[in-house]
């Protein structure tokens, strides 16, 4: 099957139990054989993705999914075939997983996933599994002191924060970044910088975030430390395709709804967001006029979750917005 043909539609399950993720080994004779993979299989003609997911998990593992949600949709072109992966996160199931087709099984932590020998198409899934459902961006009007004072209420375990301070000179930004990365690391929260790849390495940050302008000026992925993420702001199909060419690991797609920070910018709306998210080759966050209550809607539209500048930041009076 050539990559230009209709892609093979595959339902994929990221099965989580007690903080561990289940992997199965592909048969040696299969495409991308002998690699570990997330369980799943082909969606048959006329079959819904959910039905295919349940059927494959019963046939392959002897389990019935009980609680699950969309995680990621993406297309991957191998030289010999194209696949369209419909990935679901399964967090509750009936039964005990066993390799009913003779396939070995393995439970691993999310942080161990990058070190497993997985099919090439699974790399964005590994990123999606390790990313949170919301991404925090400090409001630009905050002073460095205000930002640091709010960190104990914002930097939560497993969280991700983009340290965007456009008005700070480089030396001041790097001084602040050093303190923020250390403070967030102590709380299990990761930080993406908006400076240069060298600063990511020097400060031990989780990665680099690019504005759309910097993204469009790229010719190749920056030389980041192993395991570091590259993030980018995108607004349309041109920027999203550029992100794919440059090896971006996660993208922020905006504005989904009208925002006070960009009052004149036309909003994408959820339909267009879903179209672009499915075209993307990496997890995509919805950004612009959104908050906690929009996270499930972002999942249903193919997004990783929601990014927010003010929605996830402390409100006046010292409280912090939280899911309702």
C-alpha atoms as a PDB file:
ATOM      1  CA  UNK A   1       0.000   0.000   0.000  1.00  0.00           C
ATOM      2  CA  UNK A   2       1.551   3.325  -1.055  1.00  0.00           C
ATOM      3  CA  UNK A   3       1.546   6.353   1.214  1.00  0.00           C
ATOM      4  CA  UNK A   4      -0.580   8.251  -1.326  1.00  0.00           C
ATOM      5  CA  UNK A   5      -3.413   5.703  -1.037  1.00  0.00           C
ATOM      6  CA  UNK A   6      -6.261   5.874   1.460  1.00  0.00           C
ATOM      7  CA  UNK A   7      -4.616   5.448   4.871  1.00  0.00           C
ATOM      8  CA  UNK A   8      -5.285   2.392   6.991  1.00  0.00           C
ATOM      9  CA  UNK A   9      -7.619   3.490   9.802  1.00  0.00           C
ATOM     10  CA  UNK A  10      -6.439   2.071  13.128  1.00  0.00           C
ATOM     11  CA  UNK A  11      -7.987   2.303  16.613  1.00  0.00           C
ATOM     12  CA  UNK A  12      -5.266   2.522  19.264  1.00  0.00           C
ATOM     13  CA  UNK A  13      -5.570   2.178  23.054  1.00  0.00           C
ATOM     14  CA  UNK A  14      -3.282   3.785  25.610  1.00  0.00           C
ATOM     15  CA  UNK A  15      -4.232   1.596  28.584  1.00  0.00           C
ATOM     16  CA  UNK A  16      -3.298   3.127  31.940  1.00  0.00           C
ATOM     17  CA  UNK A  17      -3.450   1.331  35.264  1.00  0.00           C
ATOM     18  CA  UNK A  18      -1.854   2.609  38.453  1.00  0.00           C
ATOM     19  CA  UNK A  19       0.424   5.010  36.604  1.00  0.00           C
ATOM     20  CA  UNK A  20       1.657   2.318  34.199  1.00  0.00           C
ATOM     21  CA  UNK A  21       1.037   1.985  30.459  1.00  0.00           C
ATOM     22  CA  UNK A  22       0.489  -1.341  28.676  1.00  0.00           C
ATOM     23  CA  UNK A  23       2.559  -2.259  25.618  1.00  0.00           C
ATOM     24  CA  UNK A  24       2.386  -5.336  23.371  1.00  0.00           C
ATOM     25  CA  UNK A  25       5.076  -6.673  21.047  1.00  0.00           C
ATOM     26  CA  UNK A  26       4.318  -6.904  17.333  1.00  0.00           C
ATOM     27  CA  UNK A  27       4.961 -10.243  15.579  1.00  0.00           C
ATOM     28  CA  UNK A  28       8.340 -10.415  13.782  1.00  0.00           C
ATOM     29  CA  UNK A  29       6.667 -10.818  10.375  1.00  0.00           C
ATOM     30  CA  UNK A  30       4.335  -7.813  10.817  1.00  0.00           C
ATOM     31  CA  UNK A  31       4.917  -4.298   9.490  1.00  0.00           C
ATOM     32  CA  UNK A  32       7.368  -2.638  11.937  1.00  0.00           C
ATOM     33  CA  UNK A  33       7.697  -6.114  13.433  1.00  0.00           C
ATOM     34  CA  UNK A  34       9.260  -6.953  16.811  1.00  0.00           C
ATOM     35  CA  UNK A  35       8.615  -3.449  18.100  1.00  0.00           C
ATOM     36  CA  UNK A  36       6.559  -2.674  21.183  1.00  0.00           C
ATOM     37  CA  UNK A  37       3.281  -0.894  20.462  1.00  0.00           C
ATOM     38  CA  UNK A  38       0.081   0.397  22.013  1.00  0.00           C
ATOM     39  CA  UNK A  39      -2.645  -2.249  21.532  1.00  0.00           C
ATOM     40  CA  UNK A  40      -5.287  -1.831  18.856  1.00  0.00           C
ATOM     41  CA  UNK A  41      -6.108  -2.712  15.292  1.00  0.00           C
ATOM     42  CA  UNK A  42      -7.867  -1.911  12.048  1.00  0.00           C
ATOM     43  CA  UNK A  43     -11.275  -0.227  12.003  1.00  0.00           C
ATOM     44  CA  UNK A  44     -13.472  -2.377   9.761  1.00  0.00           C
ATOM     45  CA  UNK A  45     -15.783  -0.819   7.102  1.00  0.00           C
ATOM     46  CA  UNK A  46     -18.986   0.421   8.732  1.00  0.00           C
ATOM     47  CA  UNK A  47     -17.529   0.059  12.236  1.00  0.00           C
ATOM     48  CA  UNK A  48     -17.263   2.966  14.663  1.00  0.00           C
ATOM     49  CA  UNK A  49     -13.908   3.672  16.265  1.00  0.00           C
ATOM     50  CA  UNK A  50     -15.271   2.909  19.740  1.00  0.00           C
ATOM     51  CA  UNK A  51     -16.667  -0.418  18.542  1.00  0.00           C
ATOM     52  CA  UNK A  52     -13.349  -1.268  16.889  1.00  0.00           C
ATOM     53  CA  UNK A  53     -11.479  -0.361  20.064  1.00  0.00           C
ATOM     54  CA  UNK A  54     -13.668  -2.620  22.208  1.00  0.00           C
ATOM     55  CA  UNK A  55     -13.460  -5.492  19.718  1.00  0.00           C
ATOM     56  CA  UNK A  56      -9.675  -5.299  19.382  1.00  0.00           C
ATOM     57  CA  UNK A  57      -9.094  -5.153  23.137  1.00  0.00           C
ATOM     58  CA  UNK A  58     -11.323  -8.175  23.665  1.00  0.00           C
ATOM     59  CA  UNK A  59      -9.658 -10.150  20.871  1.00  0.00           C
ATOM     60  CA  UNK A  60      -6.079  -9.186  21.710  1.00  0.00           C
ATOM     61  CA  UNK A  61      -6.136  -8.831  25.497  1.00  0.00           C
ATOM     62  CA  UNK A  62      -9.406 -10.237  26.840  1.00  0.00           C
ATOM     63  CA  UNK A  63     -10.478  -6.963  28.460  1.00  0.00           C
ATOM     64  CA  UNK A  64     -13.487  -4.657  28.083  1.00  0.00           C
ATOM     65  CA  UNK A  65     -12.853  -0.888  28.267  1.00  0.00           C
ATOM     66  CA  UNK A  66     -15.108   0.917  30.752  1.00  0.00           C
ATOM     67  CA  UNK A  67     -13.727   4.461  30.952  1.00  0.00           C
ATOM     68  CA  UNK A  68     -12.016   6.021  27.960  1.00  0.00           C
ATOM     69  CA  UNK A  69     -11.664   9.278  26.061  1.00  0.00           C
ATOM     70  CA  UNK A  70     -10.065  10.523  22.834  1.00  0.00           C
ATOM     71  CA  UNK A  71      -6.356  11.299  23.166  1.00  0.00           C
ATOM     72  CA  UNK A  72      -4.979  11.977  19.688  1.00  0.00           C
ATOM     73  CA  UNK A  73      -5.757  11.652  15.992  1.00  0.00           C
ATOM     74  CA  UNK A  74      -2.963  11.697  13.477  1.00  0.00           C
ATOM     75  CA  UNK A  75      -1.781  10.437  10.120  1.00  0.00           C
ATOM     76  CA  UNK A  76       1.655   8.943   9.546  1.00  0.00           C
ATOM     77  CA  UNK A  77       3.143   8.156   6.145  1.00  0.00           C
ATOM     78  CA  UNK A  78       5.550   5.234   6.037  1.00  0.00           C
ATOM     79  CA  UNK A  79       7.359   4.658   2.713  1.00  0.00           C
ATOM     80  CA  UNK A  80       5.235   1.568   2.113  1.00  0.00           C
ATOM     81  CA  UNK A  81       1.891   2.605   3.661  1.00  0.00           C
ATOM     82  CA  UNK A  82      -0.042   5.401   5.351  1.00  0.00           C
ATOM     83  CA  UNK A  83      -1.900   4.969   8.625  1.00  0.00           C
ATOM     84  CA  UNK A  84      -4.534   7.112  10.343  1.00  0.00           C
ATOM     85  CA  UNK A  85      -4.376   6.526  14.079  1.00  0.00           C
ATOM     86  CA  UNK A  86      -7.413   7.166  16.280  1.00  0.00           C
ATOM     87  CA  UNK A  87      -5.878   7.026  19.757  1.00  0.00           C
ATOM     88  CA  UNK A  88      -7.964   6.640  22.918  1.00  0.00           C
ATOM     89  CA  UNK A  89      -6.884   6.736  26.552  1.00  0.00           C
ATOM     90  CA  UNK A  90      -8.385   3.855  28.556  1.00  0.00           C
ATOM     91  CA  UNK A  91      -8.307   4.383  32.330  1.00  0.00           C
ATOM     92  CA  UNK A  92     -10.716   1.645  33.508  1.00  0.00           C
ATOM     93  CA  UNK A  93     -11.442  -1.823  32.146  1.00  0.00           C
ATOM     94  CA  UNK A  94     -12.869  -5.205  33.097  1.00  0.00           C
ATOM     95  CA  UNK A  95     -10.651  -8.273  33.027  1.00  0.00           C
ATOM     96  CA  UNK A  96      -6.934  -8.926  33.293  1.00  0.00           C
ATOM     97  CA  UNK A  97      -4.871  -8.194  30.145  1.00  0.00           C
ATOM     98  CA  UNK A  98      -3.229 -11.254  28.599  1.00  0.00           C
ATOM     99  CA  UNK A  99      -1.625 -11.809  25.202  1.00  0.00           C
ATOM    100  CA  UNK A 100      -4.407 -13.817  23.595  1.00  0.00           C
ATOM    101  CA  UNK A 101      -2.547 -13.926  20.268  1.00  0.00           C
ATOM    102  CA  UNK A 102       0.704 -15.030  21.876  1.00  0.00           C
ATOM    103  CA  UNK A 103       2.123 -11.507  22.008  1.00  0.00           C
ATOM    104  CA  UNK A 104       4.320 -10.561  24.988  1.00  0.00           C
ATOM    105  CA  UNK A 105       2.980  -7.731  27.181  1.00  0.00           C
ATOM    106  CA  UNK A 106       4.849  -5.137  29.213  1.00  0.00           C
ATOM    107  CA  UNK A 107       3.771  -2.478  31.716  1.00  0.00           C
ATOM    108  CA  UNK A 108       5.971   0.647  31.754  1.00  0.00           C
ATOM    109  CA  UNK A 109       5.806   4.094  33.302  1.00  0.00           C
ATOM    110  CA  UNK A 110       4.993   7.069  31.096  1.00  0.00           C
ATOM    111  CA  UNK A 111       8.521   8.430  31.522  1.00  0.00           C
ATOM    112  CA  UNK A 112       9.950   5.102  30.299  1.00  0.00           C
ATOM    113  CA  UNK A 113       7.990   5.225  27.039  1.00  0.00           C
ATOM    114  CA  UNK A 114      10.581   7.282  25.097  1.00  0.00           C
ATOM    115  CA  UNK A 115      13.118   4.513  25.729  1.00  0.00           C
ATOM    116  CA  UNK A 116      10.958   1.728  24.255  1.00  0.00           C
ATOM    117  CA  UNK A 117      11.455   0.491  20.683  1.00  0.00           C
ATOM    118  CA  UNK A 118       8.118   1.639  19.225  1.00  0.00           C
ATOM    119  CA  UNK A 119       6.835   2.039  15.654  1.00  0.00           C
ATOM    120  CA  UNK A 120       7.692   5.432  14.152  1.00  0.00           C
ATOM    121  CA  UNK A 121       4.016   6.449  14.075  1.00  0.00           C
ATOM    122  CA  UNK A 122       3.791   6.027  17.857  1.00  0.00           C
ATOM    123  CA  UNK A 123       6.210   8.843  18.720  1.00  0.00           C
ATOM    124  CA  UNK A 124       3.549  11.590  18.913  1.00  0.00           C
ATOM    125  CA  UNK A 125       1.455   9.247  21.078  1.00  0.00           C
ATOM    126  CA  UNK A 126       4.325   8.974  23.551  1.00  0.00           C
ATOM    127  CA  UNK A 127       4.448  12.773  23.709  1.00  0.00           C
ATOM    128  CA  UNK A 128       0.678  12.998  24.209  1.00  0.00           C
ATOM    129  CA  UNK A 129       0.774  10.463  27.057  1.00  0.00           C
ATOM    130  CA  UNK A 130       3.422  12.511  28.879  1.00  0.00           C
ATOM    131  CA  UNK A 131       1.743  15.900  28.401  1.00  0.00           C
ATOM    132  CA  UNK A 132      -0.888  17.357  30.781  1.00  0.00           C
ATOM    133  CA  UNK A 133      -4.402  18.312  29.695  1.00  0.00           C
ATOM    134  CA  UNK A 134      -3.751  22.009  30.303  1.00  0.00           C
ATOM    135  CA  UNK A 135      -0.780  24.261  29.622  1.00  0.00           C
ATOM    136  CA  UNK A 136      -0.093  27.401  31.650  1.00  0.00           C
ATOM    137  CA  UNK A 137       1.168  30.713  30.247  1.00  0.00           C
ATOM    138  CA  UNK A 138       1.808  33.651  32.630  1.00  0.00           C
ATOM    139  CA  UNK A 139      -0.072  36.870  31.775  1.00  0.00           C
ATOM    140  CA  UNK A 140       2.381  39.296  30.110  1.00  0.00           C
ATOM    141  CA  UNK A 141       1.593  42.153  32.515  1.00  0.00           C
ATOM    142  CA  UNK A 142       3.013  40.286  35.534  1.00  0.00           C
ATOM    143  CA  UNK A 143       6.250  41.505  37.049  1.00  0.00           C
ATOM    144  CA  UNK A 144       8.941  38.881  37.748  1.00  0.00           C
ATOM    145  CA  UNK A 145       8.151  39.178  41.453  1.00  0.00           C
ATOM    146  CA  UNK A 146       4.425  38.587  40.914  1.00  0.00           C
ATOM    147  CA  UNK A 147       5.147  35.616  38.686  1.00  0.00           C
ATOM    148  CA  UNK A 148       7.455  33.963  41.200  1.00  0.00           C
ATOM    149  CA  UNK A 149       5.044  34.628  44.070  1.00  0.00           C
ATOM    150  CA  UNK A 150       2.246  32.791  42.231  1.00  0.00           C
ATOM    151  CA  UNK A 151       4.294  29.708  41.325  1.00  0.00           C
ATOM    152  CA  UNK A 152       3.452  27.683  44.467  1.00  0.00           C
ATOM    153  CA  UNK A 153      -0.224  27.801  43.462  1.00  0.00           C
ATOM    154  CA  UNK A 154       0.367  27.203  39.758  1.00  0.00           C
ATOM    155  CA  UNK A 155       3.255  24.732  39.486  1.00  0.00           C
ATOM    156  CA  UNK A 156       1.585  21.375  40.135  1.00  0.00           C
ATOM    157  CA  UNK A 157       3.019  17.857  39.663  1.00  0.00           C
ATOM    158  CA  UNK A 158       2.964  16.852  36.003  1.00  0.00           C
ATOM    159  CA  UNK A 159       2.191  20.405  34.903  1.00  0.00           C
ATOM    160  CA  UNK A 160       3.727  22.351  32.025  1.00  0.00           C
ATOM    161  CA  UNK A 161       4.374  26.086  31.916  1.00  0.00           C
ATOM    162  CA  UNK A 162       5.602  28.316  29.087  1.00  0.00           C
ATOM    163  CA  UNK A 163       7.756  31.090  30.519  1.00  0.00           C
ATOM    164  CA  UNK A 164       6.812  33.856  28.128  1.00  0.00           C
ATOM    165  CA  UNK A 165       8.019  37.313  29.257  1.00  0.00           C
ATOM    166  CA  UNK A 166       8.240  39.365  26.041  1.00  0.00           C
ATOM    167  CA  UNK A 167       9.122  42.640  27.758  1.00  0.00           C
ATOM    168  CA  UNK A 168      12.175  41.378  29.668  1.00  0.00           C
ATOM    169  CA  UNK A 169      15.712  41.919  28.298  1.00  0.00           C
ATOM    170  CA  UNK A 170      17.562  38.618  27.622  1.00  0.00           C
ATOM    171  CA  UNK A 171      19.753  38.770  30.739  1.00  0.00           C
ATOM    172  CA  UNK A 172      16.771  39.472  32.998  1.00  0.00           C
ATOM    173  CA  UNK A 173      14.761  36.713  31.313  1.00  0.00           C
ATOM    174  CA  UNK A 174      17.513  34.145  31.853  1.00  0.00           C
ATOM    175  CA  UNK A 175      17.895  35.174  35.502  1.00  0.00           C
ATOM    176  CA  UNK A 176      14.159  34.746  36.034  1.00  0.00           C
ATOM    177  CA  UNK A 177      14.121  31.497  34.059  1.00  0.00           C
ATOM    178  CA  UNK A 178      16.785  29.976  36.291  1.00  0.00           C
ATOM    179  CA  UNK A 179      14.642  30.623  39.374  1.00  0.00           C
ATOM    180  CA  UNK A 180      11.383  29.530  37.747  1.00  0.00           C
ATOM    181  CA  UNK A 181      12.806  26.258  36.370  1.00  0.00           C
ATOM    182  CA  UNK A 182      14.239  25.384  39.801  1.00  0.00           C
ATOM    183  CA  UNK A 183      11.031  26.292  41.649  1.00  0.00           C
ATOM    184  CA  UNK A 184       8.855  24.347  39.220  1.00  0.00           C
ATOM    185  CA  UNK A 185      11.167  21.312  39.245  1.00  0.00           C
ATOM    186  CA  UNK A 186      10.844  21.128  43.032  1.00  0.00           C
ATOM    187  CA  UNK A 187       7.084  20.751  42.530  1.00  0.00           C
ATOM    188  CA  UNK A 188       7.258  18.288  39.625  1.00  0.00           C
ATOM    189  CA  UNK A 189       6.272  20.903  37.039  1.00  0.00           C
ATOM    190  CA  UNK A 190       8.131  21.398  33.750  1.00  0.00           C
ATOM    191  CA  UNK A 191       9.007  24.652  31.967  1.00  0.00           C
ATOM    192  CA  UNK A 192       9.373  25.581  28.296  1.00  0.00           C
ATOM    193  CA  UNK A 193      11.561  28.622  27.603  1.00  0.00           C
ATOM    194  CA  UNK A 194      11.099  31.182  24.837  1.00  0.00           C
ATOM    195  CA  UNK A 195      14.788  32.051  24.446  1.00  0.00           C
ATOM    196  CA  UNK A 196      17.310  29.750  22.768  1.00  0.00           C
ATOM    197  CA  UNK A 197      18.216  26.055  22.713  1.00  0.00           C
ATOM    198  CA  UNK A 198      21.438  26.789  24.623  1.00  0.00           C
ATOM    199  CA  UNK A 199      19.418  28.164  27.554  1.00  0.00           C
ATOM    200  CA  UNK A 200      17.295  25.011  27.633  1.00  0.00           C
ATOM    201  CA  UNK A 201      20.430  22.969  28.042  1.00  0.00           C
ATOM    202  CA  UNK A 202      22.089  25.305  30.542  1.00  0.00           C
ATOM    203  CA  UNK A 203      19.035  25.700  32.797  1.00  0.00           C
ATOM    204  CA  UNK A 204      17.664  22.173  32.586  1.00  0.00           C
ATOM    205  CA  UNK A 205      14.323  23.287  31.148  1.00  0.00           C
ATOM    206  CA  UNK A 206      11.885  20.856  29.540  1.00  0.00           C
ATOM    207  CA  UNK A 207      12.166  22.459  26.121  1.00  0.00           C
ATOM    208  CA  UNK A 208      11.788  25.475  23.868  1.00  0.00           C
ATOM    209  CA  UNK A 209       8.652  27.320  22.753  1.00  0.00           C
ATOM    210  CA  UNK A 210       8.652  29.254  19.469  1.00  0.00           C
ATOM    211  CA  UNK A 211       6.444  32.100  18.346  1.00  0.00           C
ATOM    212  CA  UNK A 212       4.876  31.626  14.920  1.00  0.00           C
ATOM    213  CA  UNK A 213       7.363  34.144  13.504  1.00  0.00           C
ATOM    214  CA  UNK A 214      10.348  32.152  14.776  1.00  0.00           C
ATOM    215  CA  UNK A 215       8.728  28.929  13.608  1.00  0.00           C
ATOM    216  CA  UNK A 216       8.342  30.184  10.039  1.00  0.00           C
ATOM    217  CA  UNK A 217      12.002  31.253   9.969  1.00  0.00           C
ATOM    218  CA  UNK A 218      13.220  27.735  10.805  1.00  0.00           C
ATOM    219  CA  UNK A 219      14.848  25.441   8.300  1.00  0.00           C
ATOM    220  CA  UNK A 220      15.331  22.534  10.690  1.00  0.00           C
ATOM    221  CA  UNK A 221      14.653  21.532  14.277  1.00  0.00           C
ATOM    222  CA  UNK A 222      16.881  23.391  16.794  1.00  0.00           C
ATOM    223  CA  UNK A 223      19.605  21.335  18.438  1.00  0.00           C
ATOM    224  CA  UNK A 224      17.912  20.620  21.767  1.00  0.00           C
ATOM    225  CA  UNK A 225      19.095  18.249  24.505  1.00  0.00           C
ATOM    226  CA  UNK A 226      17.888  14.638  24.173  1.00  0.00           C
ATOM    227  CA  UNK A 227      14.310  14.328  25.393  1.00  0.00           C
ATOM    228  CA  UNK A 228      13.620  18.072  25.318  1.00  0.00           C
ATOM    229  CA  UNK A 229      10.375  19.222  23.702  1.00  0.00           C
ATOM    230  CA  UNK A 230       9.932  21.754  20.932  1.00  0.00           C
ATOM    231  CA  UNK A 231       6.686  23.710  21.071  1.00  0.00           C
ATOM    232  CA  UNK A 232       5.304  26.270  18.639  1.00  0.00           C
ATOM    233  CA  UNK A 233       2.452  28.755  18.312  1.00  0.00           C
ATOM    234  CA  UNK A 234       0.353  28.147  15.187  1.00  0.00           C
ATOM    235  CA  UNK A 235      -2.657  29.917  13.691  1.00  0.00           C
ATOM    236  CA  UNK A 236      -3.293  28.259  10.336  1.00  0.00           C
ATOM    237  CA  UNK A 237      -2.490  25.320   8.094  1.00  0.00           C
ATOM    238  CA  UNK A 238       0.712  26.894   6.743  1.00  0.00           C
ATOM    239  CA  UNK A 239       2.219  27.250  10.204  1.00  0.00           C
ATOM    240  CA  UNK A 240       0.994  23.830  11.298  1.00  0.00           C
ATOM    241  CA  UNK A 241       2.601  22.178   8.261  1.00  0.00           C
ATOM    242  CA  UNK A 242       5.846  24.053   8.962  1.00  0.00           C
ATOM    243  CA  UNK A 243       5.712  22.745  12.527  1.00  0.00           C
ATOM    244  CA  UNK A 244       5.501  19.212  11.165  1.00  0.00           C
ATOM    245  CA  UNK A 245       8.454  19.713   8.829  1.00  0.00           C
ATOM    246  CA  UNK A 246      10.620  21.104  11.642  1.00  0.00           C
ATOM    247  CA  UNK A 247       9.933  18.304  14.107  1.00  0.00           C
ATOM    248  CA  UNK A 248       7.786  20.268  16.542  1.00  0.00           C
ATOM    249  CA  UNK A 249       6.559  18.034  19.394  1.00  0.00           C
ATOM    250  CA  UNK A 250       3.493  20.028  20.449  1.00  0.00           C
ATOM    251  CA  UNK A 251       1.636  22.999  19.041  1.00  0.00           C
ATOM    252  CA  UNK A 252      -0.647  25.715  20.406  1.00  0.00           C
ATOM    253  CA  UNK A 253      -3.410  26.491  17.920  1.00  0.00           C
ATOM    254  CA  UNK A 254      -5.192  29.830  18.332  1.00  0.00           C
ATOM    255  CA  UNK A 255      -7.390  31.724  18.690  1.00  0.00           C
ATOM    256  CA  UNK A 256     -10.195  29.182  19.034  1.00  0.00           C
ATOM    257  CA  UNK A 257     -12.567  31.748  20.559  1.00  0.00           C
ATOM    258  CA  UNK A 258     -12.457  35.560  20.611  1.00  0.00           C
ATOM    259  CA  UNK A 259      -9.994  36.883  23.217  1.00  0.00           C
ATOM    260  CA  UNK A 260      -9.512  40.155  25.076  1.00  0.00           C
ATOM    261  CA  UNK A 261      -5.772  40.058  24.346  1.00  0.00           C
ATOM    262  CA  UNK A 262      -6.361  39.940  20.561  1.00  0.00           C
ATOM    263  CA  UNK A 263      -9.772  41.573  20.100  1.00  0.00           C
ATOM    264  CA  UNK A 264      -9.498  41.946  16.337  1.00  0.00           C
ATOM    265  CA  UNK A 265      -8.203  38.467  15.512  1.00  0.00           C
ATOM    266  CA  UNK A 266     -10.698  36.187  13.745  1.00  0.00           C
ATOM    267  CA  UNK A 267     -11.499  33.088  15.796  1.00  0.00           C
ATOM    268  CA  UNK A 268     -11.004  29.606  14.344  1.00  0.00           C
ATOM    269  CA  UNK A 269     -14.013  28.052  16.058  1.00  0.00           C
ATOM    270  CA  UNK A 270     -14.144  24.414  17.128  1.00  0.00           C
ATOM    271  CA  UNK A 271     -14.908  23.011  13.691  1.00  0.00           C
ATOM    272  CA  UNK A 272     -11.799  24.513  12.106  1.00  0.00           C
ATOM    273  CA  UNK A 273      -9.735  23.602  15.155  1.00  0.00           C
ATOM    274  CA  UNK A 274     -10.784  19.954  14.731  1.00  0.00           C
ATOM    275  CA  UNK A 275      -9.850  20.002  11.033  1.00  0.00           C
ATOM    276  CA  UNK A 276      -6.401  21.407  11.774  1.00  0.00           C
ATOM    277  CA  UNK A 277      -5.830  19.125  14.763  1.00  0.00           C
ATOM    278  CA  UNK A 278      -6.482  16.059  12.629  1.00  0.00           C
ATOM    279  CA  UNK A 279      -4.039  17.335  10.009  1.00  0.00           C
ATOM    280  CA  UNK A 280      -1.326  17.875  12.641  1.00  0.00           C
ATOM    281  CA  UNK A 281       1.496  15.396  13.206  1.00  0.00           C
ATOM    282  CA  UNK A 282       1.838  16.298  16.893  1.00  0.00           C
ATOM    283  CA  UNK A 283      -0.424  16.924  19.917  1.00  0.00           C
ATOM    284  CA  UNK A 284      -2.235  20.263  19.685  1.00  0.00           C
ATOM    285  CA  UNK A 285      -3.533  22.494  22.467  1.00  0.00           C
ATOM    286  CA  UNK A 286      -6.512  24.792  21.940  1.00  0.00           C
ATOM    287  CA  UNK A 287      -5.712  28.380  22.944  1.00  0.00           C
ATOM    288  CA  UNK A 288      -7.810  31.538  23.044  1.00  0.00           C
ATOM    289  CA  UNK A 289     -10.768  32.358  25.275  1.00  0.00           C
ATOM    290  CA  UNK A 290     -10.836  28.903  26.896  1.00  0.00           C
ATOM    291  CA  UNK A 291     -10.654  27.444  30.393  1.00  0.00           C
ATOM    292  CA  UNK A 292     -11.092  24.341  32.534  1.00  0.00           C
ATOM    293  CA  UNK A 293     -14.570  23.520  31.269  1.00  0.00           C
ATOM    294  CA  UNK A 294     -13.336  23.471  27.671  1.00  0.00           C
ATOM    295  CA  UNK A 295     -10.831  20.633  28.203  1.00  0.00           C
ATOM    296  CA  UNK A 296     -13.315  17.790  27.443  1.00  0.00           C
ATOM    297  CA  UNK A 297     -14.489  19.709  24.363  1.00  0.00           C
ATOM    298  CA  UNK A 298     -10.884  20.011  23.181  1.00  0.00           C
ATOM    299  CA  UNK A 299     -10.475  16.228  23.613  1.00  0.00           C
ATOM    300  CA  UNK A 300     -13.571  15.588  21.520  1.00  0.00           C
ATOM    301  CA  UNK A 301     -12.189  17.855  18.779  1.00  0.00           C
ATOM    302  CA  UNK A 302      -8.867  16.012  18.605  1.00  0.00           C
ATOM    303  CA  UNK A 303      -6.885  18.290  20.923  1.00  0.00           C
ATOM    304  CA  UNK A 304      -4.475  17.444  23.737  1.00  0.00           C
ATOM    305  CA  UNK A 305      -6.295  19.902  25.973  1.00  0.00           C
ATOM    306  CA  UNK A 306      -6.376  23.647  26.572  1.00  0.00           C
ATOM    307  CA  UNK A 307      -3.659  26.277  26.956  1.00  0.00           C
ATOM    308  CA  UNK A 308      -4.473  29.447  28.850  1.00  0.00           C
ATOM    309  CA  UNK A 309      -2.850  32.762  29.693  1.00  0.00           C
ATOM    310  CA  UNK A 310      -5.294  33.747  32.445  1.00  0.00           C
ATOM    311  CA  UNK A 311      -7.664  30.811  32.828  1.00  0.00           C
ATOM    312  CA  UNK A 312      -5.199  28.750  34.885  1.00  0.00           C
ATOM    313  CA  UNK A 313      -3.523  31.627  36.705  1.00  0.00           C
ATOM    314  CA  UNK A 314      -4.372  32.978  40.185  1.00  0.00           C
ATOM    315  CA  UNK A 315      -7.329  35.360  40.100  1.00  0.00           C
ATOM    316  CA  UNK A 316      -7.500  38.592  42.134  1.00  0.00           C
ATOM    317  CA  UNK A 317      -7.837  37.772  45.820  1.00  0.00           C
ATOM    318  CA  UNK A 318      -5.344  34.928  45.778  1.00  0.00           C
ATOM    319  CA  UNK A 319      -7.542  32.022  44.620  1.00  0.00           C
ATOM    320  CA  UNK A 320      -6.816  29.829  41.640  1.00  0.00           C
ATOM    321  CA  UNK A 321      -9.358  28.794  39.013  1.00  0.00           C
ATOM    322  CA  UNK A 322     -10.048  25.068  39.224  1.00  0.00           C
ATOM    323  CA  UNK A 323     -12.183  22.545  37.355  1.00  0.00           C
ATOM    324  CA  UNK A 324     -15.888  22.649  38.161  1.00  0.00           C
END
